Amino acid sequence: GRAEVAEKPDLLWERPELEGLYLRLEDEFELRERHLGLERKLQVISN
């Protein structure tokens, strides 16, 4: 709801040419993998 970790930044709608940089940075920081890993752990804790 706040950091919107899994969502694309709004500025990409205005600057689509930055999409490549966004994808490389997302891969470098492993944002998607870390987000999915956290979700799985949170689900286990909650369950």
ModelCIF file with pLDDT and N, C-alpha, C, O atoms, coordinates in Angstrom:
data_MODEL
#
_entry.id   MODEL 
#
_entity.id                         1 
_entity.type                       polymer 
_entity.pdbx_number_of_molecules   1 
#
_entity_poly.entity_id                      1 
_entity_poly.type                           'polypeptide(L)' 
_entity_poly.nstd_linkage                   no 
_entity_poly.nstd_monomer                   no 
_entity_poly.pdbx_seq_one_letter_code       GRAEVAEKPDLLWERPELEGLYLRLEDEFELRERHLGLERKLQVISN 
_entity_poly.pdbx_seq_one_letter_code_can   GRAEVAEKPDLLWERPELEGLYLRLEDEFELRERHLGLERKLQVISN 
_entity_poly.pdbx_strand_id                 A 
#
loop_
_entity_poly_seq.entity_id 
_entity_poly_seq.num 
_entity_poly_seq.mon_id 
_entity_poly_seq.hetero 
1 1  GLY n 
1 2  ARG n 
1 3  ALA n 
1 4  GLU n 
1 5  VAL n 
1 6  ALA n 
1 7  GLU n 
1 8  LYS n 
1 9  PRO n 
1 10 ASP n 
1 11 LEU n 
1 12 LEU n 
1 13 TRP n 
1 14 GLU n 
1 15 ARG n 
1 16 PRO n 
1 17 GLU n 
1 18 LEU n 
1 19 GLU n 
1 20 GLY n 
1 21 LEU n 
1 22 TYR n 
1 23 LEU n 
1 24 ARG n 
1 25 LEU n 
1 26 GLU n 
1 27 ASP n 
1 28 GLU n 
1 29 PHE n 
1 30 GLU n 
1 31 LEU n 
1 32 ARG n 
1 33 GLU n 
1 34 ARG n 
1 35 HIS n 
1 36 LEU n 
1 37 GLY n 
1 38 LEU n 
1 39 GLU n 
1 40 ARG n 
1 41 LYS n 
1 42 LEU n 
1 43 GLN n 
1 44 VAL n 
1 45 ILE n 
1 46 SER n 
1 47 ASN n 
#
_struct_asym.id          A 
_struct_asym.entity_id   1 
#
loop_
_ma_qa_metric.id 
_ma_qa_metric.mode 
_ma_qa_metric.name 
_ma_qa_metric.software_group_id 
_ma_qa_metric.type 
1 global pLDDT . pLDDT 
2 local  pLDDT . pLDDT 
#
_ma_qa_metric_global.metric_id      1 
_ma_qa_metric_global.metric_value   85.13 
_ma_qa_metric_global.model_id       1 
_ma_qa_metric_global.ordinal_id     1 
#
loop_
_ma_qa_metric_local.label_asym_id 
_ma_qa_metric_local.label_comp_id 
_ma_qa_metric_local.label_seq_id 
_ma_qa_metric_local.metric_id 
_ma_qa_metric_local.metric_value 
_ma_qa_metric_local.model_id 
_ma_qa_metric_local.ordinal_id 
A GLY 1  2 53.00 1 1  
A ARG 2  2 57.00 1 2  
A ALA 3  2 58.00 1 3  
A GLU 4  2 73.00 1 4  
A VAL 5  2 77.00 1 5  
A ALA 6  2 75.00 1 6  
A GLU 7  2 84.00 1 7  
A LYS 8  2 88.00 1 8  
A PRO 9  2 89.00 1 9  
A ASP 10 2 87.00 1 10 
A LEU 11 2 90.00 1 11 
A LEU 12 2 92.00 1 12 
A TRP 13 2 90.00 1 13 
A GLU 14 2 89.00 1 14 
A ARG 15 2 92.00 1 15 
A PRO 16 2 93.00 1 16 
A GLU 17 2 93.00 1 17 
A LEU 18 2 95.00 1 18 
A GLU 19 2 94.00 1 19 
A GLY 20 2 94.00 1 20 
A LEU 21 2 95.00 1 21 
A TYR 22 2 95.00 1 22 
A LEU 23 2 94.00 1 23 
A ARG 24 2 94.00 1 24 
A LEU 25 2 95.00 1 25 
A GLU 26 2 94.00 1 26 
A ASP 27 2 93.00 1 27 
A GLU 28 2 93.00 1 28 
A PHE 29 2 92.00 1 29 
A GLU 30 2 92.00 1 30 
A LEU 31 2 92.00 1 31 
A ARG 32 2 89.00 1 32 
A GLU 33 2 92.00 1 33 
A ARG 34 2 90.00 1 34 
A HIS 35 2 85.00 1 35 
A LEU 36 2 87.00 1 36 
A GLY 37 2 87.00 1 37 
A LEU 38 2 83.00 1 38 
A GLU 39 2 82.00 1 39 
A ARG 40 2 83.00 1 40 
A LYS 41 2 80.00 1 41 
A LEU 42 2 76.00 1 42 
A GLN 43 2 78.00 1 43 
A VAL 44 2 76.00 1 44 
A ILE 45 2 73.00 1 45 
A SER 46 2 73.00 1 46 
A ASN 47 2 75.00 1 47 
#
loop_
_atom_site.group_PDB 
_atom_site.id 
_atom_site.type_symbol 
_atom_site.label_atom_id 
_atom_site.label_alt_id 
_atom_site.label_comp_id 
_atom_site.label_asym_id 
_atom_site.label_entity_id 
_atom_site.label_seq_id 
_atom_site.pdbx_PDB_ins_code 
_atom_site.Cartn_x 
_atom_site.Cartn_y 
_atom_site.Cartn_z 
_atom_site.occupancy 
_atom_site.B_iso_or_equiv 
_atom_site.pdbx_formal_charge 
_atom_site.auth_seq_id 
_atom_site.auth_comp_id 
_atom_site.auth_asym_id 
_atom_site.auth_atom_id 
_atom_site.pdbx_PDB_model_num 
ATOM 1   N N  . GLY A 1 1  ? 0.783  -1.227  0.000   1.00 53.00 ? 1  GLY A N  1 
ATOM 2   C CA . GLY A 1 1  ? 0.000  0.000   0.000   1.00 53.00 ? 1  GLY A CA 1 
ATOM 3   C C  . GLY A 1 1  ? 0.810  1.269   0.000   1.00 53.00 ? 1  GLY A C  1 
ATOM 4   O O  . GLY A 1 1  ? 0.354  2.281   -0.533  1.00 53.00 ? 1  GLY A O  1 
ATOM 5   N N  . ARG A 1 2  ? 2.008  1.257   0.583   1.00 57.00 ? 2  ARG A N  1 
ATOM 6   C CA . ARG A 1 2  ? 2.771  2.490   0.707   1.00 57.00 ? 2  ARG A CA 1 
ATOM 7   C C  . ARG A 1 2  ? 3.998  2.506   -0.194  1.00 57.00 ? 2  ARG A C  1 
ATOM 8   O O  . ARG A 1 2  ? 4.141  3.403   -1.024  1.00 57.00 ? 2  ARG A O  1 
ATOM 9   N N  . ALA A 1 3  ? 4.877  1.534   -0.043  1.00 58.00 ? 3  ALA A N  1 
ATOM 10  C CA . ALA A 1 3  ? 6.080  1.516   -0.878  1.00 58.00 ? 3  ALA A CA 1 
ATOM 11  C C  . ALA A 1 3  ? 5.798  0.987   -2.282  1.00 58.00 ? 3  ALA A C  1 
ATOM 12  O O  . ALA A 1 3  ? 6.553  1.274   -3.211  1.00 58.00 ? 3  ALA A O  1 
ATOM 13  N N  . GLU A 1 4  ? 4.719  0.217   -2.449  1.00 73.00 ? 4  GLU A N  1 
ATOM 14  C CA . GLU A 1 4  ? 4.348  -0.336  -3.757  1.00 73.00 ? 4  GLU A CA 1 
ATOM 15  C C  . GLU A 1 4  ? 5.548  -1.002  -4.425  1.00 73.00 ? 4  GLU A C  1 
ATOM 16  O O  . GLU A 1 4  ? 5.875  -0.728  -5.580  1.00 73.00 ? 4  GLU A O  1 
ATOM 17  N N  . VAL A 1 5  ? 6.188  -1.875  -3.669  1.00 77.00 ? 5  VAL A N  1 
ATOM 18  C CA . VAL A 1 5  ? 7.441  -2.487  -4.104  1.00 77.00 ? 5  VAL A CA 1 
ATOM 19  C C  . VAL A 1 5  ? 7.300  -3.230  -5.430  1.00 77.00 ? 5  VAL A C  1 
ATOM 20  O O  . VAL A 1 5  ? 8.213  -3.197  -6.256  1.00 77.00 ? 5  VAL A O  1 
ATOM 21  N N  . ALA A 1 6  ? 6.172  -3.896  -5.643  1.00 75.00 ? 6  ALA A N  1 
ATOM 22  C CA . ALA A 1 6  ? 6.014  -4.715  -6.842  1.00 75.00 ? 6  ALA A CA 1 
ATOM 23  C C  . ALA A 1 6  ? 5.457  -3.944  -8.038  1.00 75.00 ? 6  ALA A C  1 
ATOM 24  O O  . ALA A 1 6  ? 5.306  -4.512  -9.119  1.00 75.00 ? 6  ALA A O  1 
ATOM 25  N N  . GLU A 1 7  ? 5.151  -2.658  -7.860  1.00 84.00 ? 7  GLU A N  1 
ATOM 26  C CA . GLU A 1 7  ? 4.549  -1.872  -8.939  1.00 84.00 ? 7  GLU A CA 1 
ATOM 27  C C  . GLU A 1 7  ? 5.601  -1.044  -9.682  1.00 84.00 ? 7  GLU A C  1 
ATOM 28  O O  . GLU A 1 7  ? 6.639  -0.692  -9.121  1.00 84.00 ? 7  GLU A O  1 
ATOM 29  N N  . LYS A 1 8  ? 5.318  -0.741  -10.945 1.00 88.00 ? 8  LYS A N  1 
ATOM 30  C CA . LYS A 1 8  ? 6.202  0.136   -11.703 1.00 88.00 ? 8  LYS A CA 1 
ATOM 31  C C  . LYS A 1 8  ? 6.050  1.570   -11.216 1.00 88.00 ? 8  LYS A C  1 
ATOM 32  O O  . LYS A 1 8  ? 4.937  1.996   -10.908 1.00 88.00 ? 8  LYS A O  1 
ATOM 33  N N  . PRO A 1 9  ? 7.150  2.331   -11.139 1.00 89.00 ? 9  PRO A N  1 
ATOM 34  C CA . PRO A 1 9  ? 7.065  3.741   -10.736 1.00 89.00 ? 9  PRO A CA 1 
ATOM 35  C C  . PRO A 1 9  ? 6.197  4.538   -11.717 1.00 89.00 ? 9  PRO A C  1 
ATOM 36  O O  . PRO A 1 9  ? 6.201  4.276   -12.920 1.00 89.00 ? 9  PRO A O  1 
ATOM 37  N N  . ASP A 1 10 ? 5.463  5.505   -11.189 1.00 87.00 ? 10 ASP A N  1 
ATOM 38  C CA . ASP A 1 10 ? 4.570  6.323   -12.021 1.00 87.00 ? 10 ASP A CA 1 
ATOM 39  C C  . ASP A 1 10 ? 5.309  7.077   -13.118 1.00 87.00 ? 10 ASP A C  1 
ATOM 40  O O  . ASP A 1 10 ? 4.764  7.296   -14.200 1.00 87.00 ? 10 ASP A O  1 
ATOM 41  N N  . LEU A 1 11 ? 6.565  7.479   -12.837 1.00 90.00 ? 11 LEU A N  1 
ATOM 42  C CA . LEU A 1 11 ? 7.277  8.305   -13.823 1.00 90.00 ? 11 LEU A CA 1 
ATOM 43  C C  . LEU A 1 11 ? 7.583  7.555   -15.125 1.00 90.00 ? 11 LEU A C  1 
ATOM 44  O O  . LEU A 1 11 ? 7.912  8.180   -16.133 1.00 90.00 ? 11 LEU A O  1 
ATOM 45  N N  . LEU A 1 12 ? 7.478  6.231   -15.112 1.00 92.00 ? 12 LEU A N  1 
ATOM 46  C CA . LEU A 1 12 ? 7.703  5.469   -16.339 1.00 92.00 ? 12 LEU A CA 1 
ATOM 47  C C  . LEU A 1 12 ? 6.598  5.710   -17.365 1.00 92.00 ? 12 LEU A C  1 
ATOM 48  O O  . LEU A 1 12 ? 6.808  5.507   -18.561 1.00 92.00 ? 12 LEU A O  1 
ATOM 49  N N  . TRP A 1 13 ? 5.421  6.142   -16.903 1.00 90.00 ? 13 TRP A N  1 
ATOM 50  C CA . TRP A 1 13 ? 4.343  6.465   -17.831 1.00 90.00 ? 13 TRP A CA 1 
ATOM 51  C C  . TRP A 1 13 ? 4.705  7.702   -18.649 1.00 90.00 ? 13 TRP A C  1 
ATOM 52  O O  . TRP A 1 13 ? 4.338  7.820   -19.818 1.00 90.00 ? 13 TRP A O  1 
ATOM 53  N N  . GLU A 1 14 ? 5.437  8.628   -18.009 1.00 89.00 ? 14 GLU A N  1 
ATOM 54  C CA . GLU A 1 14 ? 5.841  9.850   -18.699 1.00 89.00 ? 14 GLU A CA 1 
ATOM 55  C C  . GLU A 1 14 ? 7.168  9.684   -19.439 1.00 89.00 ? 14 GLU A C  1 
ATOM 56  O O  . GLU A 1 14 ? 7.405  10.333  -20.458 1.00 89.00 ? 14 GLU A O  1 
ATOM 57  N N  . ARG A 1 15 ? 8.037  8.801   -18.911 1.00 92.00 ? 15 ARG A N  1 
ATOM 58  C CA . ARG A 1 15 ? 9.357  8.579   -19.526 1.00 92.00 ? 15 ARG A CA 1 
ATOM 59  C C  . ARG A 1 15 ? 9.560  7.090   -19.809 1.00 92.00 ? 15 ARG A C  1 
ATOM 60  O O  . ARG A 1 15 ? 10.353 6.436   -19.130 1.00 92.00 ? 15 ARG A O  1 
ATOM 61  N N  . PRO A 1 16 ? 8.846  6.544   -20.813 1.00 93.00 ? 16 PRO A N  1 
ATOM 62  C CA . PRO A 1 16 ? 8.959  5.101   -21.097 1.00 93.00 ? 16 PRO A CA 1 
ATOM 63  C C  . PRO A 1 16 ? 10.363 4.677   -21.523 1.00 93.00 ? 16 PRO A C  1 
ATOM 64  O O  . PRO A 1 16 ? 10.694 3.493   -21.457 1.00 93.00 ? 16 PRO A O  1 
ATOM 65  N N  . GLU A 1 17 ? 11.198 5.633   -21.962 1.00 93.00 ? 17 GLU A N  1 
ATOM 66  C CA . GLU A 1 17 ? 12.554 5.277   -22.369 1.00 93.00 ? 17 GLU A CA 1 
ATOM 67  C C  . GLU A 1 17 ? 13.420 4.843   -21.177 1.00 93.00 ? 17 GLU A C  1 
ATOM 68  O O  . GLU A 1 17 ? 14.506 4.294   -21.360 1.00 93.00 ? 17 GLU A O  1 
ATOM 69  N N  . LEU A 1 18 ? 12.929 5.094   -19.958 1.00 95.00 ? 18 LEU A N  1 
ATOM 70  C CA . LEU A 1 18 ? 13.668 4.684   -18.755 1.00 95.00 ? 18 LEU A CA 1 
ATOM 71  C C  . LEU A 1 18 ? 13.316 3.260   -18.312 1.00 95.00 ? 18 LEU A C  1 
ATOM 72  O O  . LEU A 1 18 ? 13.812 2.783   -17.292 1.00 95.00 ? 18 LEU A O  1 
ATOM 73  N N  . GLU A 1 19 ? 12.466 2.591   -19.076 1.00 94.00 ? 19 GLU A N  1 
ATOM 74  C CA . GLU A 1 19 ? 12.029 1.232   -18.734 1.00 94.00 ? 19 GLU A CA 1 
ATOM 75  C C  . GLU A 1 19 ? 13.222 0.273   -18.602 1.00 94.00 ? 19 GLU A C  1 
ATOM 76  O O  . GLU A 1 19 ? 13.260 -0.552  -17.689 1.00 94.00 ? 19 GLU A O  1 
ATOM 77  N N  . GLY A 1 20 ? 14.195 0.389   -19.520 1.00 94.00 ? 20 GLY A N  1 
ATOM 78  C CA . GLY A 1 20 ? 15.359 -0.491  -19.474 1.00 94.00 ? 20 GLY A CA 1 
ATOM 79  C C  . GLY A 1 20 ? 16.166 -0.298  -18.199 1.00 94.00 ? 20 GLY A C  1 
ATOM 80  O O  . GLY A 1 20 ? 16.589 -1.271  -17.574 1.00 94.00 ? 20 GLY A O  1 
ATOM 81  N N  . LEU A 1 21 ? 16.380 0.951   -17.814 1.00 95.00 ? 21 LEU A N  1 
ATOM 82  C CA . LEU A 1 21 ? 17.107 1.247   -16.581 1.00 95.00 ? 21 LEU A CA 1 
ATOM 83  C C  . LEU A 1 21 ? 16.351 0.708   -15.372 1.00 95.00 ? 21 LEU A C  1 
ATOM 84  O O  . LEU A 1 21 ? 16.946 0.146   -14.452 1.00 95.00 ? 21 LEU A O  1 
ATOM 85  N N  . TYR A 1 22 ? 15.036 0.887   -15.388 1.00 95.00 ? 22 TYR A N  1 
ATOM 86  C CA . TYR A 1 22 ? 14.193 0.377   -14.289 1.00 95.00 ? 22 TYR A CA 1 
ATOM 87  C C  . TYR A 1 22 ? 14.351 -1.138  -14.143 1.00 95.00 ? 22 TYR A C  1 
ATOM 88  O O  . TYR A 1 22 ? 14.541 -1.635  -13.033 1.00 95.00 ? 22 TYR A O  1 
ATOM 89  N N  . LEU A 1 23 ? 14.274 -1.867  -15.247 1.00 94.00 ? 23 LEU A N  1 
ATOM 90  C CA . LEU A 1 23 ? 14.370 -3.330  -15.202 1.00 94.00 ? 23 LEU A CA 1 
ATOM 91  C C  . LEU A 1 23 ? 15.744 -3.786  -14.714 1.00 94.00 ? 23 LEU A C  1 
ATOM 92  O O  . LEU A 1 23 ? 15.850 -4.755  -13.962 1.00 94.00 ? 23 LEU A O  1 
ATOM 93  N N  . ARG A 1 24 ? 16.805 -3.078  -15.149 1.00 94.00 ? 24 ARG A N  1 
ATOM 94  C CA . ARG A 1 24 ? 18.151 -3.458  -14.708 1.00 94.00 ? 24 ARG A CA 1 
ATOM 95  C C  . ARG A 1 24 ? 18.345 -3.179  -13.218 1.00 94.00 ? 24 ARG A C  1 
ATOM 96  O O  . ARG A 1 24 ? 18.986 -3.962  -12.518 1.00 94.00 ? 24 ARG A O  1 
ATOM 97  N N  . LEU A 1 25 ? 17.797 -2.075  -12.738 1.00 95.00 ? 25 LEU A N  1 
ATOM 98  C CA . LEU A 1 25 ? 17.903 -1.767  -11.307 1.00 95.00 ? 25 LEU A CA 1 
ATOM 99  C C  . LEU A 1 25 ? 17.056 -2.738  -10.477 1.00 95.00 ? 25 LEU A C  1 
ATOM 100 O O  . LEU A 1 25 ? 17.480 -3.168  -9.404  1.00 95.00 ? 25 LEU A O  1 
ATOM 101 N N  . GLU A 1 26 ? 15.876 -3.078  -10.962 1.00 94.00 ? 26 GLU A N  1 
ATOM 102 C CA . GLU A 1 26 ? 15.022 -4.044  -10.265 1.00 94.00 ? 26 GLU A CA 1 
ATOM 103 C C  . GLU A 1 26 ? 15.737 -5.387  -10.142 1.00 94.00 ? 26 GLU A C  1 
ATOM 104 O O  . GLU A 1 26 ? 15.666 -6.053  -9.109  1.00 94.00 ? 26 GLU A O  1 
ATOM 105 N N  . ASP A 1 27 ? 16.433 -5.774  -11.224 1.00 93.00 ? 27 ASP A N  1 
ATOM 106 C CA . ASP A 1 27 ? 17.171 -7.035  -11.214 1.00 93.00 ? 27 ASP A CA 1 
ATOM 107 C C  . ASP A 1 27 ? 18.382 -6.953  -10.295 1.00 93.00 ? 27 ASP A C  1 
ATOM 108 O O  . ASP A 1 27 ? 18.682 -7.909  -9.580  1.00 93.00 ? 27 ASP A O  1 
ATOM 109 N N  . GLU A 1 28 ? 19.084 -5.815  -10.306 1.00 93.00 ? 28 GLU A N  1 
ATOM 110 C CA . GLU A 1 28 ? 20.267 -5.635  -9.466  1.00 93.00 ? 28 GLU A CA 1 
ATOM 111 C C  . GLU A 1 28 ? 19.931 -5.724  -7.988  1.00 93.00 ? 28 GLU A C  1 
ATOM 112 O O  . GLU A 1 28 ? 20.632 -6.384  -7.221  1.00 93.00 ? 28 GLU A O  1 
ATOM 113 N N  . PHE A 1 29 ? 18.857 -5.059  -7.594  1.00 92.00 ? 29 PHE A N  1 
ATOM 114 C CA . PHE A 1 29 ? 18.464 -5.061  -6.180  1.00 92.00 ? 29 PHE A CA 1 
ATOM 115 C C  . PHE A 1 29 ? 17.579 -6.251  -5.817  1.00 92.00 ? 29 PHE A C  1 
ATOM 116 O O  . PHE A 1 29 ? 17.182 -6.410  -4.663  1.00 92.00 ? 29 PHE A O  1 
ATOM 117 N N  . GLU A 1 30 ? 17.273 -7.089  -6.817  1.00 92.00 ? 30 GLU A N  1 
ATOM 118 C CA . GLU A 1 30 ? 16.449 -8.296  -6.613  1.00 92.00 ? 30 GLU A CA 1 
ATOM 119 C C  . GLU A 1 30 ? 15.137 -7.967  -5.899  1.00 92.00 ? 30 GLU A C  1 
ATOM 120 O O  . GLU A 1 30 ? 14.706 -8.689  -5.000  1.00 92.00 ? 30 GLU A O  1 
ATOM 121 N N  . LEU A 1 31 ? 14.519 -6.876  -6.313  1.00 92.00 ? 31 LEU A N  1 
ATOM 122 C CA . LEU A 1 31 ? 13.308 -6.411  -5.629  1.00 92.00 ? 31 LEU A CA 1 
ATOM 123 C C  . LEU A 1 31 ? 12.167 -7.409  -5.732  1.00 92.00 ? 31 LEU A C  1 
ATOM 124 O O  . LEU A 1 31 ? 11.500 -7.696  -4.738  1.00 92.00 ? 31 LEU A O  1 
ATOM 125 N N  . ARG A 1 32 ? 11.937 -7.939  -6.924  1.00 89.00 ? 32 ARG A N  1 
ATOM 126 C CA . ARG A 1 32 ? 10.818 -8.862  -7.107  1.00 89.00 ? 32 ARG A CA 1 
ATOM 127 C C  . ARG A 1 32 ? 11.023 -10.148 -6.313  1.00 89.00 ? 32 ARG A C  1 
ATOM 128 O O  . ARG A 1 32 ? 10.101 -10.624 -5.649  1.00 89.00 ? 32 ARG A O  1 
ATOM 129 N N  . GLU A 1 33 ? 12.227 -10.710 -6.379  1.00 92.00 ? 33 GLU A N  1 
ATOM 130 C CA . GLU A 1 33 ? 12.510 -11.957 -5.654  1.00 92.00 ? 33 GLU A CA 1 
ATOM 131 C C  . GLU A 1 33 ? 12.401 -11.752 -4.147  1.00 92.00 ? 33 GLU A C  1 
ATOM 132 O O  . GLU A 1 33 ? 11.839 -12.588 -3.439  1.00 92.00 ? 33 GLU A O  1 
ATOM 133 N N  . ARG A 1 34 ? 12.938 -10.643 -3.662  1.00 90.00 ? 34 ARG A N  1 
ATOM 134 C CA . ARG A 1 34 ? 12.885 -10.361 -2.222  1.00 90.00 ? 34 ARG A CA 1 
ATOM 135 C C  . ARG A 1 34 ? 11.445 -10.130 -1.763  1.00 90.00 ? 34 ARG A C  1 
ATOM 136 O O  . ARG A 1 34 ? 11.049 -10.555 -0.678  1.00 90.00 ? 34 ARG A O  1 
ATOM 137 N N  . HIS A 1 35 ? 10.681 -9.456  -2.601  1.00 85.00 ? 35 HIS A N  1 
ATOM 138 C CA . HIS A 1 35 ? 9.272  -9.197  -2.281  1.00 85.00 ? 35 HIS A CA 1 
ATOM 139 C C  . HIS A 1 35 ? 8.500  -10.515 -2.186  1.00 85.00 ? 35 HIS A C  1 
ATOM 140 O O  . HIS A 1 35 ? 7.732  -10.710 -1.244  1.00 85.00 ? 35 HIS A O  1 
ATOM 141 N N  . LEU A 1 36 ? 8.692  -11.421 -3.150  1.00 87.00 ? 36 LEU A N  1 
ATOM 142 C CA . LEU A 1 36 ? 8.008  -12.711 -3.129  1.00 87.00 ? 36 LEU A CA 1 
ATOM 143 C C  . LEU A 1 36 ? 8.446  -13.549 -1.932  1.00 87.00 ? 36 LEU A C  1 
ATOM 144 O O  . LEU A 1 36 ? 7.630  -14.223 -1.304  1.00 87.00 ? 36 LEU A O  1 
ATOM 145 N N  . GLY A 1 37 ? 9.753  -13.501 -1.620  1.00 87.00 ? 37 GLY A N  1 
ATOM 146 C CA . GLY A 1 37 ? 10.252 -14.232 -0.456  1.00 87.00 ? 37 GLY A CA 1 
ATOM 147 C C  . GLY A 1 37 ? 9.634  -13.735 0.838   1.00 87.00 ? 37 GLY A C  1 
ATOM 148 O O  . GLY A 1 37 ? 9.271  -14.524 1.710   1.00 87.00 ? 37 GLY A O  1 
ATOM 149 N N  . LEU A 1 38 ? 9.519  -12.419 0.954   1.00 83.00 ? 38 LEU A N  1 
ATOM 150 C CA . LEU A 1 38 ? 8.893  -11.842 2.144   1.00 83.00 ? 38 LEU A CA 1 
ATOM 151 C C  . LEU A 1 38 ? 7.430  -12.231 2.241   1.00 83.00 ? 38 LEU A C  1 
ATOM 152 O O  . LEU A 1 38 ? 6.945  -12.562 3.323   1.00 83.00 ? 38 LEU A O  1 
ATOM 153 N N  . GLU A 1 39 ? 6.726  -12.195 1.128   1.00 82.00 ? 39 GLU A N  1 
ATOM 154 C CA . GLU A 1 39 ? 5.305  -12.555 1.129   1.00 82.00 ? 39 GLU A CA 1 
ATOM 155 C C  . GLU A 1 39 ? 5.115  -13.992 1.606   1.00 82.00 ? 39 GLU A C  1 
ATOM 156 O O  . GLU A 1 39 ? 4.195  -14.282 2.371   1.00 82.00 ? 39 GLU A O  1 
ATOM 157 N N  . ARG A 1 40 ? 5.989  -14.889 1.150   1.00 83.00 ? 40 ARG A N  1 
ATOM 158 C CA . ARG A 1 40 ? 5.876  -16.298 1.570   1.00 83.00 ? 40 ARG A CA 1 
ATOM 159 C C  . ARG A 1 40 ? 6.106  -16.431 3.076   1.00 83.00 ? 40 ARG A C  1 
ATOM 160 O O  . ARG A 1 40 ? 5.373  -17.143 3.762   1.00 83.00 ? 40 ARG A O  1 
ATOM 161 N N  . LYS A 1 41 ? 7.131  -15.740 3.584   1.00 80.00 ? 41 LYS A N  1 
ATOM 162 C CA . LYS A 1 41 ? 7.401  -15.810 5.027   1.00 80.00 ? 41 LYS A CA 1 
ATOM 163 C C  . LYS A 1 41 ? 6.261  -15.210 5.839   1.00 80.00 ? 41 LYS A C  1 
ATOM 164 O O  . LYS A 1 41 ? 5.863  -15.757 6.867   1.00 80.00 ? 41 LYS A O  1 
ATOM 165 N N  . LEU A 1 42 ? 5.736  -14.075 5.366   1.00 76.00 ? 42 LEU A N  1 
ATOM 166 C CA . LEU A 1 42 ? 4.620  -13.434 6.063   1.00 76.00 ? 42 LEU A CA 1 
ATOM 167 C C  . LEU A 1 42 ? 3.397  -14.340 6.089   1.00 76.00 ? 42 LEU A C  1 
ATOM 168 O O  . LEU A 1 42 ? 2.664  -14.383 7.077   1.00 76.00 ? 42 LEU A O  1 
ATOM 169 N N  . GLN A 1 43 ? 3.184  -15.069 4.985   1.00 78.00 ? 43 GLN A N  1 
ATOM 170 C CA . GLN A 1 43 ? 2.045  -15.983 4.923   1.00 78.00 ? 43 GLN A CA 1 
ATOM 171 C C  . GLN A 1 43 ? 2.209  -17.125 5.922   1.00 78.00 ? 43 GLN A C  1 
ATOM 172 O O  . GLN A 1 43 ? 1.252  -17.525 6.584   1.00 78.00 ? 43 GLN A O  1 
ATOM 173 N N  . VAL A 1 44 ? 3.450  -17.653 6.025   1.00 76.00 ? 44 VAL A N  1 
ATOM 174 C CA . VAL A 1 44 ? 3.719  -18.724 6.986   1.00 76.00 ? 44 VAL A CA 1 
ATOM 175 C C  . VAL A 1 44 ? 3.497  -18.234 8.413   1.00 76.00 ? 44 VAL A C  1 
ATOM 176 O O  . VAL A 1 44 ? 2.874  -18.922 9.222   1.00 76.00 ? 44 VAL A O  1 
ATOM 177 N N  . ILE A 1 45 ? 4.010  -17.038 8.718   1.00 73.00 ? 45 ILE A N  1 
ATOM 178 C CA . ILE A 1 45 ? 3.842  -16.469 10.062  1.00 73.00 ? 45 ILE A CA 1 
ATOM 179 C C  . ILE A 1 45 ? 2.366  -16.292 10.379  1.00 73.00 ? 45 ILE A C  1 
ATOM 180 O O  . ILE A 1 45 ? 1.898  -16.679 11.450  1.00 73.00 ? 45 ILE A O  1 
ATOM 181 N N  . SER A 1 46 ? 1.629  -15.697 9.428   1.00 73.00 ? 46 SER A N  1 
ATOM 182 C CA . SER A 1 46 ? 0.211  -15.441 9.631   1.00 73.00 ? 46 SER A CA 1 
ATOM 183 C C  . SER A 1 46 ? -0.568 -16.740 9.807   1.00 73.00 ? 46 SER A C  1 
ATOM 184 O O  . SER A 1 46 ? -1.410 -16.840 10.699  1.00 73.00 ? 46 SER A O  1 
ATOM 185 N N  . ASN A 1 47 ? -0.296 -17.737 8.964   1.00 75.00 ? 47 ASN A N  1 
ATOM 186 C CA . ASN A 1 47 ? -1.010 -19.016 9.044   1.00 75.00 ? 47 ASN A CA 1 
ATOM 187 C C  . ASN A 1 47 ? -0.724 -19.737 10.353  1.00 75.00 ? 47 ASN A C  1 
ATOM 188 O O  . ASN A 1 47 ? -1.244 -20.829 10.583  1.00 75.00 ? 47 ASN A O  1 
#
